[in-house]
């Protein structure tokens, strides 16, 4: 009965439109078709992501080539701290070069360059531990700047608006981005500032086949060289805090030398290249 009534209503509507068009009292142009819900969600997601990029600094954010950071880093195991924290200096060159100098003397250095990694201590240079390198490369693949600057420009990317939610006691809107390789990441975007509050992605361990969830929270945003920057970054692994960094200095596009990211044994002593 419901569908019969709908058919009668549509027929009557069509007759009325035809009759009025002949008398010239109404337009003969049919109304445009409604936008499908999926397309509406995609448009909403794209709008939110555009707003996020603008909130982060717009063109200045998209043109970041290098980042220099100073601060203190804390490590955790199953949510419990494993140290009193270490001073660190970080030099990052988009998209795949990273150098982290640890301790007050800056005598422990971790370097990542493409798919390679190395650790430098007073004993010299050694290849990065396989698990540590694998973990880093996985996180880097889902890094926020890679998502916003690389994934969004790749063919086959899918955008999904997941609706309003709450993250870290803030009202947010959720957007999921999926690339052509079926890798997905969910961003929690502040409903007022449009700045990222949290990022989440999951992966399945090839050994035990268990699904793991990694998250990264962003807090205490402040402008640095015209770019809104989170000065507190917290990582979670399966719901437990795994690392937290408090930044004290952030400088963009400082022109770091490529030699700082050399992972070969010819590296200079730790700290020698920071000037």
C-alpha atoms as a PDB file:
ATOM      1  CA  UNK A   1       0.000   0.000   0.000  1.00  0.00           C
ATOM      2  CA  UNK A   2       2.878   2.394   0.887  1.00  0.00           C
ATOM      3  CA  UNK A   3       4.569   1.970  -2.490  1.00  0.00           C
ATOM      4  CA  UNK A   4       1.168   2.264  -4.355  1.00  0.00           C
ATOM      5  CA  UNK A   5       0.446   5.579  -2.659  1.00  0.00           C
ATOM      6  CA  UNK A   6       3.968   6.769  -3.478  1.00  0.00           C
ATOM      7  CA  UNK A   7       3.448   5.871  -7.151  1.00  0.00           C
ATOM      8  CA  UNK A   8       0.088   7.743  -7.252  1.00  0.00           C
ATOM      9  CA  UNK A   9       1.679  10.780  -5.605  1.00  0.00           C
ATOM     10  CA  UNK A  10       4.561  10.815  -8.075  1.00  0.00           C
ATOM     11  CA  UNK A  11       2.117  10.499 -11.020  1.00  0.00           C
ATOM     12  CA  UNK A  12      -0.018  13.364  -9.724  1.00  0.00           C
ATOM     13  CA  UNK A  13       3.059  15.498  -9.214  1.00  0.00           C
ATOM     14  CA  UNK A  14       4.276  14.790 -12.742  1.00  0.00           C
ATOM     15  CA  UNK A  15       0.812  15.654 -14.174  1.00  0.00           C
ATOM     16  CA  UNK A  16       0.699  18.906 -12.224  1.00  0.00           C
ATOM     17  CA  UNK A  17       4.184  19.889 -13.457  1.00  0.00           C
ATOM     18  CA  UNK A  18       3.209  19.136 -17.081  1.00  0.00           C
ATOM     19  CA  UNK A  19      -0.075  21.036 -16.863  1.00  0.00           C
ATOM     20  CA  UNK A  20       1.428  24.145 -15.355  1.00  0.00           C
ATOM     21  CA  UNK A  21       4.279  24.228 -17.838  1.00  0.00           C
ATOM     22  CA  UNK A  22       1.822  24.410 -20.739  1.00  0.00           C
ATOM     23  CA  UNK A  23       0.134  27.481 -19.260  1.00  0.00           C
ATOM     24  CA  UNK A  24       3.475  29.092 -18.615  1.00  0.00           C
ATOM     25  CA  UNK A  25       2.877  29.420 -14.874  1.00  0.00           C
ATOM     26  CA  UNK A  26       5.694  27.049 -13.856  1.00  0.00           C
ATOM     27  CA  UNK A  27       9.096  26.034 -15.190  1.00  0.00           C
ATOM     28  CA  UNK A  28       9.307  22.908 -17.334  1.00  0.00           C
ATOM     29  CA  UNK A  29      12.821  22.104 -16.038  1.00  0.00           C
ATOM     30  CA  UNK A  30      12.796  19.011 -13.827  1.00  0.00           C
ATOM     31  CA  UNK A  31      14.362  19.401 -10.359  1.00  0.00           C
ATOM     32  CA  UNK A  32      17.921  18.118  -9.970  1.00  0.00           C
ATOM     33  CA  UNK A  33      18.413  14.677  -8.440  1.00  0.00           C
ATOM     34  CA  UNK A  34      19.346  14.614  -4.736  1.00  0.00           C
ATOM     35  CA  UNK A  35      22.993  13.987  -3.891  1.00  0.00           C
ATOM     36  CA  UNK A  36      23.515  10.384  -2.710  1.00  0.00           C
ATOM     37  CA  UNK A  37      24.284   9.980   0.987  1.00  0.00           C
ATOM     38  CA  UNK A  38      27.700   8.470   0.243  1.00  0.00           C
ATOM     39  CA  UNK A  39      28.621  11.480  -1.863  1.00  0.00           C
ATOM     40  CA  UNK A  40      27.396  13.826   0.861  1.00  0.00           C
ATOM     41  CA  UNK A  41      29.617  12.058   3.405  1.00  0.00           C
ATOM     42  CA  UNK A  42      32.599  12.240   1.073  1.00  0.00           C
ATOM     43  CA  UNK A  43      32.022  15.949   0.482  1.00  0.00           C
ATOM     44  CA  UNK A  44      31.697  16.535   4.238  1.00  0.00           C
ATOM     45  CA  UNK A  45      34.922  14.644   4.889  1.00  0.00           C
ATOM     46  CA  UNK A  46      36.777  16.614   2.206  1.00  0.00           C
ATOM     47  CA  UNK A  47      35.508  19.907   3.594  1.00  0.00           C
ATOM     48  CA  UNK A  48      36.693  18.985   7.103  1.00  0.00           C
ATOM     49  CA  UNK A  49      40.114  17.936   5.839  1.00  0.00           C
ATOM     50  CA  UNK A  50      40.468  21.178   3.866  1.00  0.00           C
ATOM     51  CA  UNK A  51      39.559  23.101   7.033  1.00  0.00           C
ATOM     52  CA  UNK A  52      42.131  21.099   8.994  1.00  0.00           C
ATOM     53  CA  UNK A  53      44.906  21.916   6.550  1.00  0.00           C
ATOM     54  CA  UNK A  54      43.970  25.595   6.664  1.00  0.00           C
ATOM     55  CA  UNK A  55      43.883  25.543  10.484  1.00  0.00           C
ATOM     56  CA  UNK A  56      47.370  24.010  10.542  1.00  0.00           C
ATOM     57  CA  UNK A  57      48.758  26.779   8.368  1.00  0.00           C
ATOM     58  CA  UNK A  58      47.464  26.213   4.855  1.00  0.00           C
ATOM     59  CA  UNK A  59      50.153  26.684   2.227  1.00  0.00           C
ATOM     60  CA  UNK A  60      52.860  27.089   4.879  1.00  0.00           C
ATOM     61  CA  UNK A  61      51.951  23.687   6.329  1.00  0.00           C
ATOM     62  CA  UNK A  62      51.851  21.984   2.936  1.00  0.00           C
ATOM     63  CA  UNK A  63      55.282  23.407   2.069  1.00  0.00           C
ATOM     64  CA  UNK A  64      57.110  22.149   5.171  1.00  0.00           C
ATOM     65  CA  UNK A  65      60.369  20.536   4.145  1.00  0.00           C
ATOM     66  CA  UNK A  66      62.264  20.346   7.436  1.00  0.00           C
ATOM     67  CA  UNK A  67      61.462  20.367  11.128  1.00  0.00           C
ATOM     68  CA  UNK A  68      63.812  20.894  14.077  1.00  0.00           C
ATOM     69  CA  UNK A  69      62.555  20.091  17.582  1.00  0.00           C
ATOM     70  CA  UNK A  70      63.853  20.163  21.137  1.00  0.00           C
ATOM     71  CA  UNK A  71      62.148  18.712  24.182  1.00  0.00           C
ATOM     72  CA  UNK A  72      61.867  15.774  26.539  1.00  0.00           C
ATOM     73  CA  UNK A  73      60.609  12.296  25.703  1.00  0.00           C
ATOM     74  CA  UNK A  74      59.134   9.688  28.045  1.00  0.00           C
ATOM     75  CA  UNK A  75      58.704   5.993  27.287  1.00  0.00           C
ATOM     76  CA  UNK A  76      56.069   3.678  28.756  1.00  0.00           C
ATOM     77  CA  UNK A  77      55.365  -0.057  28.857  1.00  0.00           C
ATOM     78  CA  UNK A  78      51.753  -1.131  29.273  1.00  0.00           C
ATOM     79  CA  UNK A  79      50.998   2.439  30.314  1.00  0.00           C
ATOM     80  CA  UNK A  80      53.674   2.563  33.032  1.00  0.00           C
ATOM     81  CA  UNK A  81      56.725   4.882  32.736  1.00  0.00           C
ATOM     82  CA  UNK A  82      60.027   3.152  32.117  1.00  0.00           C
ATOM     83  CA  UNK A  83      62.303   6.166  32.705  1.00  0.00           C
ATOM     84  CA  UNK A  84      62.427   9.677  34.095  1.00  0.00           C
ATOM     85  CA  UNK A  85      62.541  11.030  30.578  1.00  0.00           C
ATOM     86  CA  UNK A  86      65.308  12.008  28.181  1.00  0.00           C
ATOM     87  CA  UNK A  87      66.207  15.274  26.534  1.00  0.00           C
ATOM     88  CA  UNK A  88      66.024  14.983  22.764  1.00  0.00           C
ATOM     89  CA  UNK A  89      66.772  16.945  19.628  1.00  0.00           C
ATOM     90  CA  UNK A  90      65.010  15.908  16.448  1.00  0.00           C
ATOM     91  CA  UNK A  91      65.735  16.823  12.829  1.00  0.00           C
ATOM     92  CA  UNK A  92      63.179  15.676  10.292  1.00  0.00           C
ATOM     93  CA  UNK A  93      63.309  16.112   6.528  1.00  0.00           C
ATOM     94  CA  UNK A  94      60.093  15.388   4.673  1.00  0.00           C
ATOM     95  CA  UNK A  95      59.167  12.731   3.819  1.00  0.00           C
ATOM     96  CA  UNK A  96      61.551  10.003   5.029  1.00  0.00           C
ATOM     97  CA  UNK A  97      64.664  11.357   6.787  1.00  0.00           C
ATOM     98  CA  UNK A  98      64.783  11.539  10.585  1.00  0.00           C
ATOM     99  CA  UNK A  99      67.530  12.080  13.143  1.00  0.00           C
ATOM    100  CA  UNK A 100      66.972  11.951  16.909  1.00  0.00           C
ATOM    101  CA  UNK A 101      69.730  12.847  19.385  1.00  0.00           C
ATOM    102  CA  UNK A 102      69.135  11.647  22.949  1.00  0.00           C
ATOM    103  CA  UNK A 103      70.473  12.439  26.452  1.00  0.00           C
ATOM    104  CA  UNK A 104      71.893  15.706  27.732  1.00  0.00           C
ATOM    105  CA  UNK A 105      75.206  14.964  26.003  1.00  0.00           C
ATOM    106  CA  UNK A 106      73.431  14.003  22.772  1.00  0.00           C
ATOM    107  CA  UNK A 107      75.609  10.912  22.685  1.00  0.00           C
ATOM    108  CA  UNK A 108      72.946   8.460  21.499  1.00  0.00           C
ATOM    109  CA  UNK A 109      71.687   9.070  17.964  1.00  0.00           C
ATOM    110  CA  UNK A 110      68.976   7.300  15.995  1.00  0.00           C
ATOM    111  CA  UNK A 111      68.841   7.873  12.238  1.00  0.00           C
ATOM    112  CA  UNK A 112      66.221   6.805   9.732  1.00  0.00           C
ATOM    113  CA  UNK A 113      66.698   7.324   6.016  1.00  0.00           C
ATOM    114  CA  UNK A 114      64.187   5.770   3.646  1.00  0.00           C
ATOM    115  CA  UNK A 115      63.897   2.092   4.560  1.00  0.00           C
ATOM    116  CA  UNK A 116      67.171   2.067   6.526  1.00  0.00           C
ATOM    117  CA  UNK A 117      67.949   2.862  10.144  1.00  0.00           C
ATOM    118  CA  UNK A 118      71.056   3.090  12.323  1.00  0.00           C
ATOM    119  CA  UNK A 119      72.004   3.835  15.926  1.00  0.00           C
ATOM    120  CA  UNK A 120      75.177   5.729  16.801  1.00  0.00           C
ATOM    121  CA  UNK A 121      76.801   5.528  20.245  1.00  0.00           C
ATOM    122  CA  UNK A 122      80.334   5.804  21.574  1.00  0.00           C
ATOM    123  CA  UNK A 123      80.806   2.259  20.241  1.00  0.00           C
ATOM    124  CA  UNK A 124      80.179   3.429  16.694  1.00  0.00           C
ATOM    125  CA  UNK A 125      77.418   2.846  14.149  1.00  0.00           C
ATOM    126  CA  UNK A 126      75.251  -0.254  14.091  1.00  0.00           C
ATOM    127  CA  UNK A 127      72.152  -1.118  12.060  1.00  0.00           C
ATOM    128  CA  UNK A 128      68.873  -0.385  13.788  1.00  0.00           C
ATOM    129  CA  UNK A 129      67.224  -3.296  15.571  1.00  0.00           C
ATOM    130  CA  UNK A 130      64.843  -4.968  13.112  1.00  0.00           C
ATOM    131  CA  UNK A 131      61.741  -4.623  15.290  1.00  0.00           C
ATOM    132  CA  UNK A 132      62.507  -1.013  16.176  1.00  0.00           C
ATOM    133  CA  UNK A 133      63.008  -0.163  12.504  1.00  0.00           C
ATOM    134  CA  UNK A 134      59.813  -1.973  11.485  1.00  0.00           C
ATOM    135  CA  UNK A 135      57.809  -0.152  14.164  1.00  0.00           C
ATOM    136  CA  UNK A 136      59.198   3.215  13.116  1.00  0.00           C
ATOM    137  CA  UNK A 137      58.559   2.650   9.397  1.00  0.00           C
ATOM    138  CA  UNK A 138      54.984   1.610  10.127  1.00  0.00           C
ATOM    139  CA  UNK A 139      54.332   4.741  12.194  1.00  0.00           C
ATOM    140  CA  UNK A 140      55.952   6.898   9.529  1.00  0.00           C
ATOM    141  CA  UNK A 141      53.711   5.419   6.837  1.00  0.00           C
ATOM    142  CA  UNK A 142      50.738   6.700   8.854  1.00  0.00           C
ATOM    143  CA  UNK A 143      52.341   9.978   9.990  1.00  0.00           C
ATOM    144  CA  UNK A 144      49.948  12.923  10.075  1.00  0.00           C
ATOM    145  CA  UNK A 145      51.880  14.984   7.532  1.00  0.00           C
ATOM    146  CA  UNK A 146      52.121  11.995   5.189  1.00  0.00           C
ATOM    147  CA  UNK A 147      48.361  11.466   5.445  1.00  0.00           C
ATOM    148  CA  UNK A 148      47.480  15.111   4.783  1.00  0.00           C
ATOM    149  CA  UNK A 149      50.181  15.858   2.230  1.00  0.00           C
ATOM    150  CA  UNK A 150      50.597  12.549   0.372  1.00  0.00           C
ATOM    151  CA  UNK A 151      47.599  10.269   0.807  1.00  0.00           C
ATOM    152  CA  UNK A 152      45.053  12.962  -0.049  1.00  0.00           C
ATOM    153  CA  UNK A 153      46.722  13.536  -3.422  1.00  0.00           C
ATOM    154  CA  UNK A 154      46.972   9.879  -4.418  1.00  0.00           C
ATOM    155  CA  UNK A 155      44.577   8.282  -6.931  1.00  0.00           C
ATOM    156  CA  UNK A 156      41.964   5.961  -5.483  1.00  0.00           C
ATOM    157  CA  UNK A 157      41.821   7.593  -2.038  1.00  0.00           C
ATOM    158  CA  UNK A 158      38.492   7.227  -0.232  1.00  0.00           C
ATOM    159  CA  UNK A 159      37.091   9.763   2.254  1.00  0.00           C
ATOM    160  CA  UNK A 160      34.439   8.844   4.827  1.00  0.00           C
ATOM    161  CA  UNK A 161      32.680  11.118   7.304  1.00  0.00           C
ATOM    162  CA  UNK A 162      32.057   9.140  10.510  1.00  0.00           C
ATOM    163  CA  UNK A 163      30.100  11.823  12.354  1.00  0.00           C
ATOM    164  CA  UNK A 164      30.549  13.665  15.663  1.00  0.00           C
ATOM    165  CA  UNK A 165      32.303  12.064  18.614  1.00  0.00           C
ATOM    166  CA  UNK A 166      34.402  12.837  21.692  1.00  0.00           C
ATOM    167  CA  UNK A 167      38.188  12.416  21.956  1.00  0.00           C
ATOM    168  CA  UNK A 168      40.344  13.466  24.893  1.00  0.00           C
ATOM    169  CA  UNK A 169      37.292  15.194  26.389  1.00  0.00           C
ATOM    170  CA  UNK A 170      36.864  17.368  23.314  1.00  0.00           C
ATOM    171  CA  UNK A 171      34.012  17.528  20.836  1.00  0.00           C
ATOM    172  CA  UNK A 172      35.351  16.223  17.537  1.00  0.00           C
ATOM    173  CA  UNK A 173      34.287  15.044  14.113  1.00  0.00           C
ATOM    174  CA  UNK A 174      35.672  11.794  12.748  1.00  0.00           C
ATOM    175  CA  UNK A 175      36.991  11.330   9.238  1.00  0.00           C
ATOM    176  CA  UNK A 176      38.439   8.096   7.866  1.00  0.00           C
ATOM    177  CA  UNK A 177      40.871   8.149   4.951  1.00  0.00           C
ATOM    178  CA  UNK A 178      41.562   4.970   2.971  1.00  0.00           C
ATOM    179  CA  UNK A 179      44.212   4.726   0.281  1.00  0.00           C
ATOM    180  CA  UNK A 180      44.306   2.468  -2.767  1.00  0.00           C
ATOM    181  CA  UNK A 181      46.152  -0.198  -0.723  1.00  0.00           C
ATOM    182  CA  UNK A 182      43.196  -0.544   1.685  1.00  0.00           C
ATOM    183  CA  UNK A 183      45.188   1.121   4.458  1.00  0.00           C
ATOM    184  CA  UNK A 184      42.968   3.329   6.588  1.00  0.00           C
ATOM    185  CA  UNK A 185      43.500   6.002   9.221  1.00  0.00           C
ATOM    186  CA  UNK A 186      40.891   7.854  11.265  1.00  0.00           C
ATOM    187  CA  UNK A 187      41.354  11.493  12.243  1.00  0.00           C
ATOM    188  CA  UNK A 188      39.522  13.104  15.152  1.00  0.00           C
ATOM    189  CA  UNK A 189      39.177  16.798  14.286  1.00  0.00           C
ATOM    190  CA  UNK A 190      38.285  19.476  16.824  1.00  0.00           C
ATOM    191  CA  UNK A 191      34.773  20.706  16.031  1.00  0.00           C
ATOM    192  CA  UNK A 192      35.698  24.336  16.791  1.00  0.00           C
ATOM    193  CA  UNK A 193      39.335  24.825  15.800  1.00  0.00           C
ATOM    194  CA  UNK A 194      39.443  22.101  13.104  1.00  0.00           C
ATOM    195  CA  UNK A 195      42.863  21.057  14.435  1.00  0.00           C
ATOM    196  CA  UNK A 196      43.655  17.333  14.724  1.00  0.00           C
ATOM    197  CA  UNK A 197      43.063  15.962  18.227  1.00  0.00           C
ATOM    198  CA  UNK A 198      43.878  12.313  17.600  1.00  0.00           C
ATOM    199  CA  UNK A 199      44.871   9.900  14.855  1.00  0.00           C
ATOM    200  CA  UNK A 200      44.173   6.160  14.877  1.00  0.00           C
ATOM    201  CA  UNK A 201      45.081   3.224  12.652  1.00  0.00           C
ATOM    202  CA  UNK A 202      45.202  -0.555  13.011  1.00  0.00           C
ATOM    203  CA  UNK A 203      47.296  -3.354  11.566  1.00  0.00           C
ATOM    204  CA  UNK A 204      47.440  -7.125  11.856  1.00  0.00           C
ATOM    205  CA  UNK A 205      50.592  -8.758  13.212  1.00  0.00           C
ATOM    206  CA  UNK A 206      51.934 -11.187  10.563  1.00  0.00           C
ATOM    207  CA  UNK A 207      53.149 -13.579  13.283  1.00  0.00           C
ATOM    208  CA  UNK A 208      50.243 -13.998  15.692  1.00  0.00           C
ATOM    209  CA  UNK A 209      47.577 -12.528  13.352  1.00  0.00           C
ATOM    210  CA  UNK A 210      46.344 -10.292  16.179  1.00  0.00           C
ATOM    211  CA  UNK A 211      44.975  -6.849  15.334  1.00  0.00           C
ATOM    212  CA  UNK A 212      46.825  -3.927  16.939  1.00  0.00           C
ATOM    213  CA  UNK A 213      45.664  -0.332  17.269  1.00  0.00           C
ATOM    214  CA  UNK A 214      48.067   2.599  17.351  1.00  0.00           C
ATOM    215  CA  UNK A 215      46.915   6.093  18.235  1.00  0.00           C
ATOM    216  CA  UNK A 216      48.559   9.498  18.491  1.00  0.00           C
ATOM    217  CA  UNK A 217      47.133  12.444  20.415  1.00  0.00           C
ATOM    218  CA  UNK A 218      47.930  16.124  19.795  1.00  0.00           C
ATOM    219  CA  UNK A 219      47.651  18.834  22.439  1.00  0.00           C
ATOM    220  CA  UNK A 220      48.867  22.295  23.464  1.00  0.00           C
ATOM    221  CA  UNK A 221      48.877  23.780  19.963  1.00  0.00           C
ATOM    222  CA  UNK A 222      50.986  26.888  19.472  1.00  0.00           C
ATOM    223  CA  UNK A 223      52.099  28.754  16.344  1.00  0.00           C
ATOM    224  CA  UNK A 224      55.662  28.214  15.135  1.00  0.00           C
ATOM    225  CA  UNK A 225      56.785  29.962  11.942  1.00  0.00           C
ATOM    226  CA  UNK A 226      53.130  30.469  11.031  1.00  0.00           C
ATOM    227  CA  UNK A 227      52.239  26.787  11.517  1.00  0.00           C
ATOM    228  CA  UNK A 228      49.995  25.545  14.317  1.00  0.00           C
ATOM    229  CA  UNK A 229      52.058  22.931  16.117  1.00  0.00           C
ATOM    230  CA  UNK A 230      51.142  20.475  18.900  1.00  0.00           C
ATOM    231  CA  UNK A 231      53.754  20.861  21.640  1.00  0.00           C
ATOM    232  CA  UNK A 232      52.538  17.685  23.373  1.00  0.00           C
ATOM    233  CA  UNK A 233      52.353  14.462  21.355  1.00  0.00           C
ATOM    234  CA  UNK A 234      51.253  11.206  22.990  1.00  0.00           C
ATOM    235  CA  UNK A 235      51.347   7.750  21.427  1.00  0.00           C
ATOM    236  CA  UNK A 236      49.186   4.785  22.469  1.00  0.00           C
ATOM    237  CA  UNK A 237      49.532   1.108  21.633  1.00  0.00           C
ATOM    238  CA  UNK A 238      46.405  -1.021  22.082  1.00  0.00           C
ATOM    239  CA  UNK A 239      45.008   1.559  24.476  1.00  0.00           C
ATOM    240  CA  UNK A 240      48.135   1.887  26.646  1.00  0.00           C
ATOM    241  CA  UNK A 241      50.371   4.951  26.591  1.00  0.00           C
ATOM    242  CA  UNK A 242      53.684   4.077  24.919  1.00  0.00           C
ATOM    243  CA  UNK A 243      55.438   7.432  24.468  1.00  0.00           C
ATOM    244  CA  UNK A 244      54.935  11.092  25.267  1.00  0.00           C
ATOM    245  CA  UNK A 245      56.899  14.063  24.010  1.00  0.00           C
ATOM    246  CA  UNK A 246      56.890  17.592  25.376  1.00  0.00           C
ATOM    247  CA  UNK A 247      58.373  20.084  22.935  1.00  0.00           C
ATOM    248  CA  UNK A 248      60.094  23.277  24.019  1.00  0.00           C
ATOM    249  CA  UNK A 249      61.415  24.522  20.659  1.00  0.00           C
ATOM    250  CA  UNK A 250      60.097  23.945  17.133  1.00  0.00           C
ATOM    251  CA  UNK A 251      61.607  25.535  14.008  1.00  0.00           C
ATOM    252  CA  UNK A 252      60.546  24.831  10.432  1.00  0.00           C
ATOM    253  CA  UNK A 253      62.660  24.774   7.265  1.00  0.00           C
ATOM    254  CA  UNK A 254      66.011  25.253   8.965  1.00  0.00           C
ATOM    255  CA  UNK A 255      67.881  23.666   6.020  1.00  0.00           C
ATOM    256  CA  UNK A 256      69.361  20.574   7.682  1.00  0.00           C
ATOM    257  CA  UNK A 257      72.243  19.006   5.786  1.00  0.00           C
ATOM    258  CA  UNK A 258      71.651  15.627   4.125  1.00  0.00           C
ATOM    259  CA  UNK A 259      74.858  14.397   5.775  1.00  0.00           C
ATOM    260  CA  UNK A 260      73.015  14.406   9.111  1.00  0.00           C
ATOM    261  CA  UNK A 261      70.908  11.494   7.871  1.00  0.00           C
ATOM    262  CA  UNK A 262      73.739   9.264   6.701  1.00  0.00           C
ATOM    263  CA  UNK A 263      73.240   5.735   8.067  1.00  0.00           C
ATOM    264  CA  UNK A 264      76.608   4.420   6.900  1.00  0.00           C
ATOM    265  CA  UNK A 265      79.548   3.733   9.287  1.00  0.00           C
ATOM    266  CA  UNK A 266      81.323   6.951   8.241  1.00  0.00           C
ATOM    267  CA  UNK A 267      79.139   8.930  10.662  1.00  0.00           C
ATOM    268  CA  UNK A 268      80.799  11.655  12.790  1.00  0.00           C
ATOM    269  CA  UNK A 269      80.767  11.304  16.592  1.00  0.00           C
ATOM    270  CA  UNK A 270      77.333  11.903  18.189  1.00  0.00           C
ATOM    271  CA  UNK A 271      76.505  15.592  18.474  1.00  0.00           C
ATOM    272  CA  UNK A 272      79.220  16.780  16.097  1.00  0.00           C
ATOM    273  CA  UNK A 273      76.791  17.615  13.270  1.00  0.00           C
ATOM    274  CA  UNK A 274      74.213  19.558  15.246  1.00  0.00           C
ATOM    275  CA  UNK A 275      75.844  22.958  14.815  1.00  0.00           C
END
